[in-house]
Amino acid sequence: ENLICGDMYVCKFGTASPCNATILESLILCSADTVEPGNLSLSIGHYKSHDFIFGGYLSFVSGPAFEHVEPLVQQRDVGGTITVKGHNFYAHMQASCAFGQTFSLATVVSSFLLHCA
């Protein structure tokens, strides 16, 4: 079924109470309270009737956490690599580093290490 902009919808994660959904063109935004990593069912339905028109399963993973940056100070225009340590980094993660107004893509080295050049 097509979702209609202007209509009101709700999302339901697992057995939690439904929460309001926001529709932006062809995108549905659902906010969830804290979700533990793992598989969880998601249902989307009409606001008033709660007739759920979509149901499926999602896999949630813990987001990345940053713990340490080396070196703490880097001169501009010198070049070099900045090492970011943390956890829950993953191969297809899109991360970037900002050096003043200049941004560069980060390279995921491992689940606990990023490099920025």
C-alpha atoms as a PDB file:
ATOM      1  CA  GLU A   1       0.000   0.000   0.000  1.00  0.00           C
ATOM      2  CA  ASN A   2       1.264   3.496  -0.751  1.00  0.00           C
ATOM      3  CA  LEU A   3       1.736   5.837   2.158  1.00  0.00           C
ATOM      4  CA  ILE A   4       0.129   9.237   1.723  1.00  0.00           C
ATOM      5  CA  CYS A   5       1.945  12.384   2.834  1.00  0.00           C
ATOM      6  CA  GLY A   6      -0.260  14.250   5.270  1.00  0.00           C
ATOM      7  CA  ASP A   7      -1.777  11.076   6.698  1.00  0.00           C
ATOM      8  CA  MET A   8      -0.611  10.166  10.190  1.00  0.00           C
ATOM      9  CA  TYR A   9       1.158   6.872  10.862  1.00  0.00           C
ATOM     10  CA  VAL A  10       2.689   5.064  13.818  1.00  0.00           C
ATOM     11  CA  CYS A  11       5.641   2.711  14.192  1.00  0.00           C
ATOM     12  CA  LYS A  12       5.794  -0.163  16.607  1.00  0.00           C
ATOM     13  CA  PHE A  13       9.121  -1.767  17.558  1.00  0.00           C
ATOM     14  CA  GLY A  14       8.645  -5.257  18.948  1.00  0.00           C
ATOM     15  CA  THR A  15       6.172  -5.220  21.825  1.00  0.00           C
ATOM     16  CA  ALA A  16       6.701  -1.526  22.690  1.00  0.00           C
ATOM     17  CA  SER A  17       3.834   0.943  22.488  1.00  0.00           C
ATOM     18  CA  PRO A  18       3.388   2.572  19.065  1.00  0.00           C
ATOM     19  CA  CYS A  19       5.167   5.892  18.468  1.00  0.00           C
ATOM     20  CA  ASN A  20       4.454   8.587  15.890  1.00  0.00           C
ATOM     21  CA  ALA A  21       6.044   8.241  12.451  1.00  0.00           C
ATOM     22  CA  THR A  22       7.058  11.123  10.198  1.00  0.00           C
ATOM     23  CA  ILE A  23       6.722  10.808   6.427  1.00  0.00           C
ATOM     24  CA  LEU A  24       9.087  12.762   4.170  1.00  0.00           C
ATOM     25  CA  GLU A  25       8.335  12.042   0.510  1.00  0.00           C
ATOM     26  CA  SER A  26       9.226   8.322   0.197  1.00  0.00           C
ATOM     27  CA  LEU A  27      10.979   8.103   3.585  1.00  0.00           C
ATOM     28  CA  ILE A  28       9.420   7.056   6.889  1.00  0.00           C
ATOM     29  CA  LEU A  29      11.157   8.202  10.067  1.00  0.00           C
ATOM     30  CA  CYS A  30      10.506   6.245  13.247  1.00  0.00           C
ATOM     31  CA  SER A  31      12.131   7.003  16.568  1.00  0.00           C
ATOM     32  CA  ALA A  32      12.659   4.289  19.127  1.00  0.00           C
ATOM     33  CA  ASP A  33      13.663   4.411  22.734  1.00  0.00           C
ATOM     34  CA  THR A  34      16.856   2.579  23.578  1.00  0.00           C
ATOM     35  CA  VAL A  35      17.066  -0.594  21.517  1.00  0.00           C
ATOM     36  CA  GLU A  36      19.404  -3.431  22.381  1.00  0.00           C
ATOM     37  CA  PRO A  37      21.448  -4.929  19.526  1.00  0.00           C
ATOM     38  CA  GLY A  38      19.749  -7.856  17.807  1.00  0.00           C
ATOM     39  CA  ASN A  39      16.702  -8.559  15.643  1.00  0.00           C
ATOM     40  CA  LEU A  40      13.473  -6.709  16.251  1.00  0.00           C
ATOM     41  CA  SER A  41      10.131  -6.589  14.499  1.00  0.00           C
ATOM     42  CA  LEU A  42       8.924  -3.291  13.052  1.00  0.00           C
ATOM     43  CA  SER A  43       5.322  -2.530  12.121  1.00  0.00           C
ATOM     44  CA  ILE A  44       3.951   0.639  10.532  1.00  0.00           C
ATOM     45  CA  GLY A  45       0.264   1.471  10.691  1.00  0.00           C
ATOM     46  CA  HIS A  46      -2.352   4.190  10.499  1.00  0.00           C
ATOM     47  CA  TYR A  47      -2.455   6.548  13.480  1.00  0.00           C
ATOM     48  CA  LYS A  48      -6.134   6.201  14.395  1.00  0.00           C
ATOM     49  CA  SER A  49      -6.852   2.583  13.574  1.00  0.00           C
ATOM     50  CA  HIS A  50      -3.411   1.090  14.202  1.00  0.00           C
ATOM     51  CA  ASP A  51      -4.147  -1.193  11.227  1.00  0.00           C
ATOM     52  CA  PHE A  52      -0.581  -2.198  10.517  1.00  0.00           C
ATOM     53  CA  ILE A  53       0.152  -2.090   6.792  1.00  0.00           C
ATOM     54  CA  PHE A  54       3.801  -3.078   6.931  1.00  0.00           C
ATOM     55  CA  GLY A  55       5.640  -5.587   9.022  1.00  0.00           C
ATOM     56  CA  GLY A  56       9.186  -6.818   8.908  1.00  0.00           C
ATOM     57  CA  TYR A  57      12.314  -7.463  10.907  1.00  0.00           C
ATOM     58  CA  LEU A  58      15.289  -5.193  11.441  1.00  0.00           C
ATOM     59  CA  SER A  59      18.743  -5.891  12.756  1.00  0.00           C
ATOM     60  CA  PHE A  60      20.034  -3.328  15.194  1.00  0.00           C
ATOM     61  CA  VAL A  61      23.716  -2.930  15.950  1.00  0.00           C
ATOM     62  CA  SER A  62      25.382  -0.766  18.551  1.00  0.00           C
ATOM     63  CA  GLY A  63      26.584   2.515  17.145  1.00  0.00           C
ATOM     64  CA  PRO A  64      30.247   3.417  17.040  1.00  0.00           C
ATOM     65  CA  ALA A  65      31.872   4.962  20.102  1.00  0.00           C
ATOM     66  CA  PHE A  66      35.001   7.088  19.983  1.00  0.00           C
ATOM     67  CA  GLU A  67      37.493   6.884  22.841  1.00  0.00           C
ATOM     68  CA  HIS A  68      40.841   8.376  21.827  1.00  0.00           C
ATOM     69  CA  VAL A  69      42.513  10.366  19.037  1.00  0.00           C
ATOM     70  CA  GLU A  70      46.258  10.289  18.236  1.00  0.00           C
ATOM     71  CA  PRO A  71      48.028  12.635  17.895  1.00  0.00           C
ATOM     72  CA  LEU A  72      46.034  15.147  19.910  1.00  0.00           C
ATOM     73  CA  VAL A  73      47.718  18.029  18.056  1.00  0.00           C
ATOM     74  CA  GLN A  74      48.591  18.054  14.342  1.00  0.00           C
ATOM     75  CA  GLN A  75      50.087  20.988  12.445  1.00  0.00           C
ATOM     76  CA  ARG A  76      48.121  22.225   9.466  1.00  0.00           C
ATOM     77  CA  ASP A  77      49.442  21.493   5.982  1.00  0.00           C
ATOM     78  CA  VAL A  78      51.947  18.947   7.327  1.00  0.00           C
ATOM     79  CA  GLY A  79      50.040  15.846   6.319  1.00  0.00           C
ATOM     80  CA  GLY A  80      50.058  12.603   8.215  1.00  0.00           C
ATOM     81  CA  THR A  81      47.477  10.243   9.588  1.00  0.00           C
ATOM     82  CA  ILE A  82      45.171  10.733  12.543  1.00  0.00           C
ATOM     83  CA  THR A  83      44.288   7.519  14.397  1.00  0.00           C
ATOM     84  CA  VAL A  84      40.882   7.280  16.050  1.00  0.00           C
ATOM     85  CA  LYS A  85      40.370   4.500  18.586  1.00  0.00           C
ATOM     86  CA  GLY A  86      37.020   3.259  19.827  1.00  0.00           C
ATOM     87  CA  HIS A  87      34.686   0.343  19.200  1.00  0.00           C
ATOM     88  CA  ASN A  88      31.813  -0.836  16.990  1.00  0.00           C
ATOM     89  CA  PHE A  89      33.368   0.502  13.770  1.00  0.00           C
ATOM     90  CA  TYR A  90      32.272  -1.483  10.731  1.00  0.00           C
ATOM     91  CA  ALA A  91      33.576  -1.861   7.181  1.00  0.00           C
ATOM     92  CA  HIS A  92      30.890   0.097   5.311  1.00  0.00           C
ATOM     93  CA  MET A  93      30.588   2.837   7.909  1.00  0.00           C
ATOM     94  CA  GLN A  94      30.649   6.325   6.402  1.00  0.00           C
ATOM     95  CA  ALA A  95      32.768   8.394   8.769  1.00  0.00           C
ATOM     96  CA  SER A  96      34.778  11.520   8.162  1.00  0.00           C
ATOM     97  CA  CYS A  97      37.259  13.666  10.039  1.00  0.00           C
ATOM     98  CA  ALA A  98      37.252  17.457  10.137  1.00  0.00           C
ATOM     99  CA  PHE A  99      40.470  19.431  10.100  1.00  0.00           C
ATOM    100  CA  GLY A 100      39.237  22.979  10.569  1.00  0.00           C
ATOM    101  CA  GLN A 101      37.017  23.535   7.520  1.00  0.00           C
ATOM    102  CA  THR A 102      38.524  20.578   5.612  1.00  0.00           C
ATOM    103  CA  PHE A 103      36.882  17.162   5.736  1.00  0.00           C
ATOM    104  CA  SER A 104      38.356  13.804   4.762  1.00  0.00           C
ATOM    105  CA  LEU A 105      36.810  10.344   4.687  1.00  0.00           C
ATOM    106  CA  ALA A 106      37.907   7.982   7.406  1.00  0.00           C
ATOM    107  CA  THR A 107      39.247   4.532   6.586  1.00  0.00           C
ATOM    108  CA  VAL A 108      38.005   1.712   8.808  1.00  0.00           C
ATOM    109  CA  VAL A 109      41.025  -0.373   9.731  1.00  0.00           C
ATOM    110  CA  SER A 110      39.254  -2.655  12.206  1.00  0.00           C
ATOM    111  CA  SER A 111      36.243  -2.707  14.518  1.00  0.00           C
ATOM    112  CA  PHE A 112      38.216  -0.532  16.952  1.00  0.00           C
ATOM    113  CA  LEU A 113      40.473   1.608  14.684  1.00  0.00           C
ATOM    114  CA  LEU A 114      39.915   4.409  12.103  1.00  0.00           C
ATOM    115  CA  HIS A 115      42.497   6.375  10.134  1.00  0.00           C
ATOM    116  CA  CYS A 116      42.068   9.872   8.725  1.00  0.00           C
ATOM    117  CA  ALA A 117      44.558  11.429   6.344  1.00  0.00           C
END
